[in-house]
Amino acid sequence: MVTTIQIDKKVKVKLDKLKIHYRETYNELISRLLERIPTETDKESLIETINVLSDPETMKNIAEALKDYEKGRGVELRKLAKELDLNV
């Protein structure tokens, strides 16, 4: 179903600047913009990341692991997978 909407001239100018190509329809443009809106899963993932970054103990462990890695301590994933007979 096709419908007509009214928009302010200033909004139209802004939409025109967002077009990839001058022949891109407003329907295509709006659809493309809507695809960029974060989904509920994206929001949950962001919240989880913030929680991890807010936990001092976790951040301390990550920092220590990075230091170990930089000093060459640790095992490469493919070597560990081979040792544990995992298909990775």
Foldseek 3Di string as FASTA:
>chain_A
DDDDDDDDPVVVVVLCVQDPDNPQDSVNSVVVVVVPPDDPVNVVVVVVVVVQVPDPVNVVVVVVVVVCVVVVHDDDPVVVCVVVVHDD
